[in-house]
PDB file of N, CA and C in Angstrom:
ATOM      1  N   MET A   1      60.649 119.182  80.432  1.00  0.00           N
ATOM      2  CA  MET A   1      61.524 118.182  80.872  1.00  0.00           C
ATOM      3  C   MET A   1      61.254 117.829  82.267  1.00  0.00           C
ATOM      4  N   THR A   2      61.396 116.638  82.575  1.00  0.00           N
ATOM      5  CA  THR A   2      61.264 116.160  83.854  1.00  0.00           C
ATOM      6  C   THR A   2      62.554 115.904  84.547  1.00  0.00           C
ATOM      7  N   GLU A   3      62.633 116.149  85.798  1.00  0.00           N
ATOM      8  CA  GLU A   3      63.904 116.051  86.529  1.00  0.00           C
ATOM      9  C   GLU A   3      63.736 114.828  87.432  1.00  0.00           C
ATOM     10  N   SER A   4      64.778 113.964  87.571  1.00  0.00           N
ATOM     11  CA  SER A   4      64.685 112.755  88.427  1.00  0.00           C
ATOM     12  C   SER A   4      65.064 113.183  89.678  1.00  0.00           C
ATOM     13  N   VAL A   5      64.169 112.850  90.666  1.00  0.00           N
ATOM     14  CA  VAL A   5      64.524 113.236  92.094  1.00  0.00           C
ATOM     15  C   VAL A   5      64.956 111.931  92.793  1.00  0.00           C
ATOM     16  N   ASN A   6      66.077 112.152  93.511  1.00  0.00           N
ATOM     17  CA  ASN A   6      66.564 111.001  94.358  1.00  0.00           C
ATOM     18  C   ASN A   6      65.665 110.967  95.713  1.00  0.00           C
ATOM     19  N   PRO A   7      65.063 109.985  95.950  1.00  0.00           N
ATOM     20  CA  PRO A   7      64.384 109.775  97.086  1.00  0.00           C
ATOM     21  C   PRO A   7      65.281 109.675  98.361  1.00  0.00           C
ATOM     22  N   GLU A   8      64.866 110.093  99.404  1.00  0.00           N
ATOM     23  CA  GLU A   8      65.605 109.999 100.671  1.00  0.00           C
ATOM     24  C   GLU A   8      65.856 108.612 100.926  1.00  0.00           C
ATOM     25  N   PRO A   9      67.169 108.198 101.378  1.00  0.00           N
ATOM     26  CA  PRO A   9      67.402 106.820 101.697  1.00  0.00           C
ATOM     27  C   PRO A   9      66.625 106.426 103.073  1.00  0.00           C
ATOM     28  N   THR A  10      66.296 105.148 103.145  1.00  0.00           N
ATOM     29  CA  THR A  10      65.661 104.776 104.378  1.00  0.00           C
ATOM     30  C   THR A  10      66.717 104.671 105.416  1.00  0.00           C
ATOM     31  N   PRO A  11      66.417 104.519 106.654  1.00  0.00           N
ATOM     32  CA  PRO A  11      67.429 104.333 107.635  1.00  0.00           C
ATOM     33  C   PRO A  11      68.371 103.184 107.562  1.00  0.00           C
ATOM     34  N   GLU A  12      67.838 102.132 107.032  1.00  0.00           N
ATOM     35  CA  GLU A  12      68.704 100.995 106.827  1.00  0.00           C
ATOM     36  C   GLU A  12      69.775 101.215 105.679  1.00  0.00           C
ATOM     37  N   GLN A  13      69.338 101.908 104.602  1.00  0.00           N
ATOM     38  CA  GLN A  13      70.253 102.355 103.586  1.00  0.00           C
ATOM     39  C   GLN A  13      71.243 103.389 104.027  1.00  0.00           C
ATOM     40  N   ALA A  14      70.767 104.403 104.820  1.00  0.00           N
ATOM     41  CA  ALA A  14      71.664 105.304 105.376  1.00  0.00           C
ATOM     42  C   ALA A  14      72.802 104.624 106.271  1.00  0.00           C
ATOM     43  N   ALA A  15      72.382 103.730 107.075  1.00  0.00           N
ATOM     44  CA  ALA A  15      73.325 102.941 107.847  1.00  0.00           C
ATOM     45  C   ALA A  15      74.331 102.114 107.023  1.00  0.00           C
ATOM     46  N   LEU A  16      73.785 101.538 105.923  1.00  0.00           N
ATOM     47  CA  LEU A  16      74.680 100.791 105.062  1.00  0.00           C
ATOM     48  C   LEU A  16      75.627 101.699 104.364  1.00  0.00           C
ATOM     49  N   PHE A  17      75.169 102.858 103.944  1.00  0.00           N
ATOM     50  CA  PHE A  17      76.149 103.841 103.333  1.00  0.00           C
ATOM     51  C   PHE A  17      77.138 104.215 104.202  1.00  0.00           C
ATOM     52  N   ALA A  18      76.858 104.558 105.306  1.00  0.00           N
ATOM     53  CA  ALA A  18      77.884 104.956 106.452  1.00  0.00           C
ATOM     54  C   ALA A  18      78.884 103.859 106.720  1.00  0.00           C
ATOM     55  N   ARG A  19      78.356 102.586 106.722  1.00  0.00           N
ATOM     56  CA  ARG A  19      79.230 101.467 106.938  1.00  0.00           C
ATOM     57  C   ARG A  19      80.199 101.276 105.743  1.00  0.00           C
ATOM     58  N   VAL A  20      79.736 101.513 104.554  1.00  0.00           N
ATOM     59  CA  VAL A  20      80.465 101.279 103.347  1.00  0.00           C
ATOM     60  C   VAL A  20      81.567 102.404 103.273  1.00  0.00           C
ATOM     61  N   ARG A  21      81.176 103.668 103.576  1.00  0.00           N
ATOM     62  CA  ARG A  21      82.110 104.885 103.708  1.00  0.00           C
ATOM     63  C   ARG A  21      83.260 104.565 104.700  1.00  0.00           C
ATOM     64  N   ARG A  22      82.853 103.931 105.879  1.00  0.00           N
ATOM     65  CA  ARG A  22      83.927 103.632 106.918  1.00  0.00           C
ATOM     66  C   ARG A  22      84.726 102.551 106.465  1.00  0.00           C
ATOM     67  N   MET A  23      84.218 101.585 105.770  1.00  0.00           N
ATOM     68  CA  MET A  23      85.146 100.475 105.291  1.00  0.00           C
ATOM     69  C   MET A  23      86.042 101.105 104.186  1.00  0.00           C
ATOM     70  N   MET A  24      85.549 101.841 103.285  1.00  0.00           N
ATOM     71  CA  MET A  24      86.473 102.504 102.278  1.00  0.00           C
ATOM     72  C   MET A  24      87.494 103.307 102.899  1.00  0.00           C
ATOM     73  N   LEU A  25      87.206 104.157 103.966  1.00  0.00           N
ATOM     74  CA  LEU A  25      88.238 104.849 104.646  1.00  0.00           C
ATOM     75  C   LEU A  25      89.316 104.093 105.324  1.00  0.00           C
ATOM     76  N   ILE A  26      88.798 102.879 105.928  1.00  0.00           N
ATOM     77  CA  ILE A  26      89.891 101.919 106.404  1.00  0.00           C
ATOM     78  C   ILE A  26      90.805 101.396 105.331  1.00  0.00           C
ATOM     79  N   ALA A  27      90.158 100.947 104.186  1.00  0.00           N
ATOM     80  CA  ALA A  27      90.833 100.367 103.120  1.00  0.00           C
ATOM     81  C   ALA A  27      91.879 101.475 102.556  1.00  0.00           C
ATOM     82  N   GLY A  28      91.459 102.662 102.444  1.00  0.00           N
ATOM     83  CA  GLY A  28      92.217 103.801 101.784  1.00  0.00           C
ATOM     84  C   GLY A  28      93.495 104.107 102.835  1.00  0.00           C
ATOM     85  N   LEU A  29      93.195 104.067 104.078  1.00  0.00           N
ATOM     86  CA  LEU A  29      94.301 104.368 104.965  1.00  0.00           C
ATOM     87  C   LEU A  29      95.290 103.157 105.135  1.00  0.00           C
ATOM     88  N   THR A  30      94.802 101.988 104.920  1.00  0.00           N
ATOM     89  CA  THR A  30      95.652 100.918 104.924  1.00  0.00           C
ATOM     90  C   THR A  30      96.577 100.917 103.605  1.00  0.00           C
ATOM     91  N   THR A  31      95.871 101.205 102.540  1.00  0.00           N
ATOM     92  CA  THR A  31      96.789 101.276 101.232  1.00  0.00           C
ATOM     93  C   THR A  31      97.889 102.353 101.324  1.00  0.00           C
ATOM     94  N   ALA A  32      97.350 103.497 101.923  1.00  0.00           N
ATOM     95  CA  ALA A  32      98.307 104.539 102.048  1.00  0.00           C
ATOM     96  C   ALA A  32      99.474 104.267 103.046  1.00  0.00           C
ATOM     97  N   LEU A  33      99.259 103.492 104.128  1.00  0.00           N
ATOM     98  CA  LEU A  33     100.239 103.065 104.997  1.00  0.00           C
ATOM     99  C   LEU A  33     101.181 102.054 104.298  1.00  0.00           C
ATOM    100  N   ALA A  34     100.701 101.211 103.565  1.00  0.00           N
ATOM    101  CA  ALA A  34     101.484 100.169 102.891  1.00  0.00           C
ATOM    102  C   ALA A  34     102.329 100.892 101.819  1.00  0.00           C
ATOM    103  N   VAL A  35     101.874 101.810 101.139  1.00  0.00           N
ATOM    104  CA  VAL A  35     102.668 102.564 100.126  1.00  0.00           C
ATOM    105  C   VAL A  35     103.762 103.396 100.794  1.00  0.00           C
ATOM    106  N   ALA A  36     103.406 103.953 102.029  1.00  0.00           N
ATOM    107  CA  ALA A  36     104.392 104.745 102.740  1.00  0.00           C
ATOM    108  C   ALA A  36     105.537 103.739 103.236  1.00  0.00           C
ATOM    109  N   ALA A  37     105.076 102.546 103.665  1.00  0.00           N
ATOM    110  CA  ALA A  37     106.168 101.733 104.208  1.00  0.00           C
ATOM    111  C   ALA A  37     107.087 101.250 103.143  1.00  0.00           C
ATOM    112  N   VAL A  38     106.519 101.059 101.882  1.00  0.00           N
ATOM    113  CA  VAL A  38     107.489 100.511 100.761  1.00  0.00           C
ATOM    114  C   VAL A  38     108.422 101.683 100.390  1.00  0.00           C
ATOM    115  N   LEU A  39     107.788 103.015 100.339  1.00  0.00           N
ATOM    116  CA  LEU A  39     108.685 104.152 100.042  1.00  0.00           C
ATOM    117  C   LEU A  39     109.892 104.342 101.100  1.00  0.00           C
ATOM    118  N   ILE A  40     109.416 104.251 102.303  1.00  0.00           N
ATOM    119  CA  ILE A  40     110.505 104.313 103.395  1.00  0.00           C
ATOM    120  C   ILE A  40     111.503 103.184 103.247  1.00  0.00           C
ATOM    121  N   ALA A  41     111.112 101.952 102.925  1.00  0.00           N
ATOM    122  CA  ALA A  41     112.185 100.867 102.805  1.00  0.00           C
ATOM    123  C   ALA A  41     113.094 101.174 101.627  1.00  0.00           C
ATOM    124  N   ILE A  42     112.577 101.703 100.494  1.00  0.00           N
ATOM    125  CA  ILE A  42     113.251 101.888  99.360  1.00  0.00           C
ATOM    126  C   ILE A  42     114.275 103.060  99.727  1.00  0.00           C
ATOM    127  N   GLY A  43     113.710 104.234 100.317  1.00  0.00           N
ATOM    128  CA  GLY A  43     114.625 105.269 100.728  1.00  0.00           C
ATOM    129  C   GLY A  43     115.768 104.906 101.626  1.00  0.00           C
ATOM    130  N   TYR A  44     115.330 104.058 102.611  1.00  0.00           N
ATOM    131  CA  TYR A  44     116.411 103.537 103.545  1.00  0.00           C
ATOM    132  C   TYR A  44     117.574 102.855 102.907  1.00  0.00           C
ATOM    133  N   ARG A  45     117.171 101.965 101.870  1.00  0.00           N
ATOM    134  CA  ARG A  45     118.220 101.230 101.145  1.00  0.00           C
ATOM    135  C   ARG A  45     119.033 102.124 100.247  1.00  0.00           C
ATOM    136  N   VAL A  46     118.388 103.052  99.675  1.00  0.00           N
ATOM    137  CA  VAL A  46     119.068 104.043  98.803  1.00  0.00           C
ATOM    138  C   VAL A  46     120.060 104.808  99.589  1.00  0.00           C
ATOM    139  N   PHE A  47     119.742 105.380 100.678  1.00  0.00           N
ATOM    140  CA  PHE A  47     120.431 106.215 101.556  1.00  0.00           C
ATOM    141  C   PHE A  47     121.616 105.534 102.425  1.00  0.00           C
ATOM    142  N   ARG A  48     121.320 104.335 102.672  1.00  0.00           N
ATOM    143  CA  ARG A  48     122.259 103.503 103.477  1.00  0.00           C
ATOM    144  C   ARG A  48     123.295 102.756 102.585  1.00  0.00           C
ATOM    145  N   ALA A  49     123.044 102.654 101.279  1.00  0.00           N
ATOM    146  CA  ALA A  49     123.878 102.016 100.377  1.00  0.00           C
ATOM    147  C   ALA A  49     125.380 102.812 100.432  1.00  0.00           C
ATOM    148  N   GLU A  50     126.369 102.067 100.373  1.00  0.00           N
ATOM    149  CA  GLU A  50     127.700 102.643 100.480  1.00  0.00           C
ATOM    150  C   GLU A  50     128.019 103.163  99.104  1.00  0.00           C
ATOM    151  N   GLY A  51     127.386 102.949  98.115  1.00  0.00           N
ATOM    152  CA  GLY A  51     127.640 103.488  96.718  1.00  0.00           C
ATOM    153  C   GLY A  51     128.740 102.721  96.148  1.00  0.00           C
ATOM    154  N   SER A  52     128.997 103.042  94.867  1.00  0.00           N
ATOM    155  CA  SER A  52     130.110 102.356  94.144  1.00  0.00           C
ATOM    156  C   SER A  52     131.422 103.037  94.367  1.00  0.00           C
ATOM    157  N   ARG A  53     132.416 102.224  94.673  1.00  0.00           N
ATOM    158  CA  ARG A  53     133.713 102.724  94.986  1.00  0.00           C
ATOM    159  C   ARG A  53     134.653 102.385  93.708  1.00  0.00           C
ATOM    160  N   PRO A  54     135.645 103.160  93.504  1.00  0.00           N
ATOM    161  CA  PRO A  54     136.476 102.842  92.353  1.00  0.00           C
ATOM    162  C   PRO A  54     137.330 101.511  92.665  1.00  0.00           C
ATOM    163  N   ALA A  55     137.512 100.816  91.705  1.00  0.00           N
ATOM    164  CA  ALA A  55     138.187  99.529  91.856  1.00  0.00           C
ATOM    165  C   ALA A  55     139.673  99.838  92.334  1.00  0.00           C
ATOM    166  N   ALA A  56     140.072  99.055  93.351  1.00  0.00           N
ATOM    167  CA  ALA A  56     141.335  99.234  93.972  1.00  0.00           C
ATOM    168  C   ALA A  56     142.333  98.231  93.364  1.00  0.00           C
ATOM    169  N   ASP A  57     143.423  98.759  92.963  1.00  0.00           N
ATOM    170  CA  ASP A  57     144.523  97.777  92.548  1.00  0.00           C
ATOM    171  C   ASP A  57     145.419  97.540  93.623  1.00  0.00           C
ATOM    172  N   VAL A  58     145.397  96.246  94.169  1.00  0.00           N
ATOM    173  CA  VAL A  58     146.225  95.917  95.319  1.00  0.00           C
ATOM    174  C   VAL A  58     146.951  94.532  94.840  1.00  0.00           C
ATOM    175  N   THR A  59     148.130  94.532  95.309  1.00  0.00           N
ATOM    176  CA  THR A  59     148.975  93.340  95.099  1.00  0.00           C
ATOM    177  C   THR A  59     149.350  92.766  96.308  1.00  0.00           C
ATOM    178  N   ALA A  60     148.891  91.500  96.622  1.00  0.00           N
ATOM    179  CA  ALA A  60     149.273  90.912  97.834  1.00  0.00           C
ATOM    180  C   ALA A  60     150.469  89.876  97.625  1.00  0.00           C
ATOM    181  N   THR A  61     151.453  89.983  98.498  1.00  0.00           N
ATOM    182  CA  THR A  61     152.601  89.179  98.355  1.00  0.00           C
ATOM    183  C   THR A  61     152.399  87.871  99.137  1.00  0.00           C
ATOM    184  N   LEU A  62     152.675  86.761  98.422  1.00  0.00           N
ATOM    185  CA  LEU A  62     152.663  85.429  99.131  1.00  0.00           C
ATOM    186  C   LEU A  62     154.094  84.980  99.324  1.00  0.00           C
ATOM    187  N   PRO A  63     154.126  84.160 100.377  1.00  0.00           N
ATOM    188  CA  PRO A  63     155.450  83.575 100.699  1.00  0.00           C
ATOM    189  C   PRO A  63     155.959  82.782  99.428  1.00  0.00           C
ATOM    190  N   LYS A  64     157.308  82.501  99.335  1.00  0.00           N
ATOM    191  CA  LYS A  64     157.890  81.794  98.272  1.00  0.00           C
ATOM    192  C   LYS A  64     157.438  80.367  98.256  1.00  0.00           C
ATOM    193  N   GLY A  65     156.804  79.924  97.199  1.00  0.00           N
ATOM    194  CA  GLY A  65     156.397  78.577  97.001  1.00  0.00           C
ATOM    195  C   GLY A  65     154.969  78.395  97.419  1.00  0.00           C
ATOM    196  N   ALA A  66     154.308  79.427  97.837  1.00  0.00           N
ATOM    197  CA  ALA A  66     152.815  79.389  98.236  1.00  0.00           C
ATOM    198  C   ALA A  66     151.881  79.173  97.139  1.00  0.00           C
ATOM    199  N   ARG A  67     150.907  78.347  97.341  1.00  0.00           N
ATOM    200  CA  ARG A  67     149.874  78.217  96.292  1.00  0.00           C
ATOM    201  C   ARG A  67     148.491  78.543  96.902  1.00  0.00           C
ATOM    202  N   ILE A  68     147.734  79.215  96.112  1.00  0.00           N
ATOM    203  CA  ILE A  68     146.376  79.480  96.486  1.00  0.00           C
ATOM    204  C   ILE A  68     145.494  78.265  96.268  1.00  0.00           C
ATOM    205  N   THR A  69     144.840  77.680  97.294  1.00  0.00           N
ATOM    206  CA  THR A  69     143.986  76.458  97.100  1.00  0.00           C
ATOM    207  C   THR A  69     142.587  76.735  97.068  1.00  0.00           C
ATOM    208  N   ALA A  70     142.068  77.866  97.725  1.00  0.00           N
ATOM    209  CA  ALA A  70     140.705  78.178  97.741  1.00  0.00           C
ATOM    210  C   ALA A  70     140.569  79.571  98.000  1.00  0.00           C
ATOM    211  N   THR A  71     139.388  80.129  97.655  1.00  0.00           N
ATOM    212  CA  THR A  71     139.053  81.593  98.007  1.00  0.00           C
ATOM    213  C   THR A  71     137.453  81.662  98.252  1.00  0.00           C
ATOM    214  N   ALA A  72     137.018  82.414  99.072  1.00  0.00           N
ATOM    215  CA  ALA A  72     135.693  82.570  99.394  1.00  0.00           C
ATOM    216  C   ALA A  72     135.403  84.101  99.843  1.00  0.00           C
ATOM    217  N   VAL A  73     134.205  84.497  99.533  1.00  0.00           N
ATOM    218  CA  VAL A  73     133.667  85.768  99.885  1.00  0.00           C
ATOM    219  C   VAL A  73     132.498  85.632 100.831  1.00  0.00           C
ATOM    220  N   THR A  74     132.629  86.435 102.015  1.00  0.00           N
ATOM    221  CA  THR A  74     131.499  86.522 102.880  1.00  0.00           C
ATOM    222  C   THR A  74     130.928  87.944 102.823  1.00  0.00           C
ATOM    223  N   ASP A  75     130.135  88.331 103.877  1.00  0.00           N
ATOM    224  CA  ASP A  75     129.538  89.663 103.815  1.00  0.00           C
ATOM    225  C   ASP A  75     130.514  90.784 103.647  1.00  0.00           C
ATOM    226  N   ASP A  76     131.599  90.800 104.394  1.00  0.00           N
ATOM    227  CA  ASP A  76     132.531  91.942 104.247  1.00  0.00           C
ATOM    228  C   ASP A  76     133.939  91.454 104.294  1.00  0.00           C
ATOM    229  N   ARG A  77     134.176  90.146 104.059  1.00  0.00           N
ATOM    230  CA  ARG A  77     135.569  89.611 104.088  1.00  0.00           C
ATOM    231  C   ARG A  77     135.774  88.820 102.849  1.00  0.00           C
ATOM    232  N   LEU A  78     137.089  88.829 102.353  1.00  0.00           N
ATOM    233  CA  LEU A  78     137.679  87.983 101.403  1.00  0.00           C
ATOM    234  C   LEU A  78     138.559  87.076 102.088  1.00  0.00           C
ATOM    235  N   VAL A  79     138.364  85.699 101.820  1.00  0.00           N
ATOM    236  CA  VAL A  79     139.142  84.680 102.548  1.00  0.00           C
ATOM    237  C   VAL A  79     139.903  83.931 101.458  1.00  0.00           C
ATOM    238  N   VAL A  80     141.252  83.856 101.695  1.00  0.00           N
ATOM    239  CA  VAL A  80     142.066  83.110 100.778  1.00  0.00           C
ATOM    240  C   VAL A  80     142.779  81.946 101.455  1.00  0.00           C
ATOM    241  N   THR A  81     142.705  80.733 101.018  1.00  0.00           N
ATOM    242  CA  THR A  81     143.367  79.576 101.625  1.00  0.00           C
ATOM    243  C   THR A  81     144.701  79.386 100.970  1.00  0.00           C
ATOM    244  N   LEU A  82     145.785  79.233 101.577  1.00  0.00           N
ATOM    245  CA  LEU A  82     147.097  79.031 100.958  1.00  0.00           C
ATOM    246  C   LEU A  82     147.719  77.693 101.377  1.00  0.00           C
ATOM    247  N   ASP A  83     148.485  77.123 100.455  1.00  0.00           N
ATOM    248  CA  ASP A  83     149.288  75.886 100.894  1.00  0.00           C
ATOM    249  C   ASP A  83     150.796  76.494 100.801  1.00  0.00           C
ATOM    250  N   VAL A  84     151.358  76.637 102.034  1.00  0.00           N
ATOM    251  CA  VAL A  84     152.706  77.095 102.175  1.00  0.00           C
ATOM    252  C   VAL A  84     153.570  75.989 102.598  1.00  0.00           C
ATOM    253  N   GLY A  85     154.222  75.425 101.650  1.00  0.00           N
ATOM    254  CA  GLY A  85     155.264  74.355 102.035  1.00  0.00           C
ATOM    255  C   GLY A  85     154.615  73.259 102.757  1.00  0.00           C
ATOM    256  N   GLY A  86     153.413  72.819 102.522  1.00  0.00           N
ATOM    257  CA  GLY A  86     152.805  71.633 103.206  1.00  0.00           C
ATOM    258  C   GLY A  86     151.937  72.070 104.272  1.00  0.00           C
ATOM    259  N   SER A  87     152.020  73.375 104.890  1.00  0.00           N
ATOM    260  CA  SER A  87     151.119  73.827 105.924  1.00  0.00           C
ATOM    261  C   SER A  87     150.057  74.650 105.346  1.00  0.00           C
ATOM    262  N   VAL A  88     148.893  74.763 105.890  1.00  0.00           N
ATOM    263  CA  VAL A  88     147.751  75.446 105.440  1.00  0.00           C
ATOM    264  C   VAL A  88     147.674  76.807 106.116  1.00  0.00           C
ATOM    265  N   GLN A  89     147.441  77.897 105.497  1.00  0.00           N
ATOM    266  CA  GLN A  89     147.367  79.259 106.065  1.00  0.00           C
ATOM    267  C   GLN A  89     146.065  79.879 105.388  1.00  0.00           C
ATOM    268  N   ILE A  90     145.327  80.488 106.305  1.00  0.00           N
ATOM    269  CA  ILE A  90     144.098  81.204 105.781  1.00  0.00           C
ATOM    270  C   ILE A  90     144.345  82.716 106.020  1.00  0.00           C
ATOM    271  N   ARG A  91     144.214  83.524 105.036  1.00  0.00           N
ATOM    272  CA  ARG A  91     144.331  84.919 105.156  1.00  0.00           C
ATOM    273  C   ARG A  91     142.965  85.640 104.847  1.00  0.00           C
ATOM    274  N   THR A  92     142.631  86.622 105.607  1.00  0.00           N
ATOM    275  CA  THR A  92     141.360  87.347 105.438  1.00  0.00           C
ATOM    276  C   THR A  92     141.741  88.702 105.039  1.00  0.00           C
ATOM    277  N   PHE A  93     140.835  89.348 104.261  1.00  0.00           N
ATOM    278  CA  PHE A  93     141.059  90.677 103.760  1.00  0.00           C
ATOM    279  C   PHE A  93     139.738  91.381 103.915  1.00  0.00           C
ATOM    280  N   ASP A  94     139.770  92.724 104.200  1.00  0.00           N
ATOM    281  CA  ASP A  94     138.452  93.468 104.294  1.00  0.00           C
ATOM    282  C   ASP A  94     138.015  93.636 102.754  1.00  0.00           C
ATOM    283  N   LEU A  95     136.794  93.334 102.467  1.00  0.00           N
ATOM    284  CA  LEU A  95     136.187  93.349 101.072  1.00  0.00           C
ATOM    285  C   LEU A  95     136.190  94.616 100.414  1.00  0.00           C
ATOM    286  N   HIS A  96     136.045  95.748 101.287  1.00  0.00           N
ATOM    287  CA  HIS A  96     135.869  97.075 100.701  1.00  0.00           C
ATOM    288  C   HIS A  96     137.189  97.749 100.410  1.00  0.00           C
ATOM    289  N   SER A  97     138.098  97.606 101.420  1.00  0.00           N
ATOM    290  CA  SER A  97     139.386  98.278 101.247  1.00  0.00           C
ATOM    291  C   SER A  97     140.508  97.350 100.808  1.00  0.00           C
ATOM    292  N   LEU A  98     140.346  95.967 100.765  1.00  0.00           N
ATOM    293  CA  LEU A  98     141.193  95.047 100.459  1.00  0.00           C
ATOM    294  C   LEU A  98     142.494  95.021 101.296  1.00  0.00           C
ATOM    295  N   ARG A  99     142.412  95.505 102.626  1.00  0.00           N
ATOM    296  CA  ARG A  99     143.444  95.528 103.561  1.00  0.00           C
ATOM    297  C   ARG A  99     143.430  94.176 104.307  1.00  0.00           C
ATOM    298  N   PRO A 100     144.624  93.667 104.628  1.00  0.00           N
ATOM    299  CA  PRO A 100     144.712  92.443 105.396  1.00  0.00           C
ATOM    300  C   PRO A 100     143.872  92.510 106.821  1.00  0.00           C
ATOM    301  N   ALA A 101     143.057  91.534 107.018  1.00  0.00           N
ATOM    302  CA  ALA A 101     142.309  91.634 108.298  1.00  0.00           C
ATOM    303  C   ALA A 101     142.779  90.455 109.415  1.00  0.00           C
ATOM    304  N   GLY A 102     143.477  89.557 108.790  1.00  0.00           N
ATOM    305  CA  GLY A 102     143.987  88.527 109.710  1.00  0.00           C
ATOM    306  C   GLY A 102     144.572  87.338 109.096  1.00  0.00           C
ATOM    307  N   THR A 103     145.402  86.582 109.734  1.00  0.00           N
ATOM    308  CA  THR A 103     146.005  85.395 109.214  1.00  0.00           C
ATOM    309  C   THR A 103     145.815  84.275 110.237  1.00  0.00           C
ATOM    310  N   LEU A 104     145.381  83.085 109.751  1.00  0.00           N
ATOM    311  CA  LEU A 104     145.396  81.926 110.575  1.00  0.00           C
ATOM    312  C   LEU A 104     146.234  80.757 109.916  1.00  0.00           C
ATOM    313  N   THR A 105     147.212  80.332 110.778  1.00  0.00           N
ATOM    314  CA  THR A 105     148.076  79.359 110.278  1.00  0.00           C
ATOM    315  C   THR A 105     147.925  78.026 111.038  1.00  0.00           C
ATOM    316  N   PHE A 106     147.807  76.990 110.317  1.00  0.00           N
ATOM    317  CA  PHE A 106     147.769  75.547 110.976  1.00  0.00           C
ATOM    318  C   PHE A 106     149.017  74.880 110.872  1.00  0.00           C
ATOM    319  N   ALA A 107     149.361  74.352 111.958  1.00  0.00           N
ATOM    320  CA  ALA A 107     150.528  73.485 112.174  1.00  0.00           C
ATOM    321  C   ALA A 107     150.252  72.279 112.767  1.00  0.00           C
ATOM    322  N   SER A 108     150.887  71.143 112.425  1.00  0.00           N
ATOM    323  CA  SER A 108     150.873  69.841 112.933  1.00  0.00           C
ATOM    324  C   SER A 108     151.557  69.736 114.336  1.00  0.00           C
ATOM    325  N   GLU A 109     151.032  68.922 115.263  1.00  0.00           N
ATOM    326  CA  GLU A 109     151.675  68.855 116.526  1.00  0.00           C
ATOM    327  C   GLU A 109     152.913  67.815 116.288  1.00  0.00           C
ATOM    328  N   PRO A 110     153.991  68.064 116.993  1.00  0.00           N
ATOM    329  CA  PRO A 110     155.117  67.219 116.680  1.00  0.00           C
ATOM    330  C   PRO A 110     155.051  65.807 117.321  1.00  0.00           C
TER     331      PRO A 110
END
């Protein structure tokens, strides 16, 4: 049986092989860095999440004769617009605890 013998690479071939190895090393490190960045982002979001909270049963009392005309939700606030006897009132609540955060009343100038 004959054995195949690999001839020694020429200097140009050796330089090409070294260049390809260097490029593959750069590509591998870049890929590893990208995967690490994605895993860090996922981990950050998982551990920074506030988790699910049990639903709170809250009853907000409105003034007599008040009507809710609009509601809106922002990042961490619940906004309720009320019509109270012809004047407009905006009440805000903390979205997580549903506690009142503020009231804004509009009145007409006399």
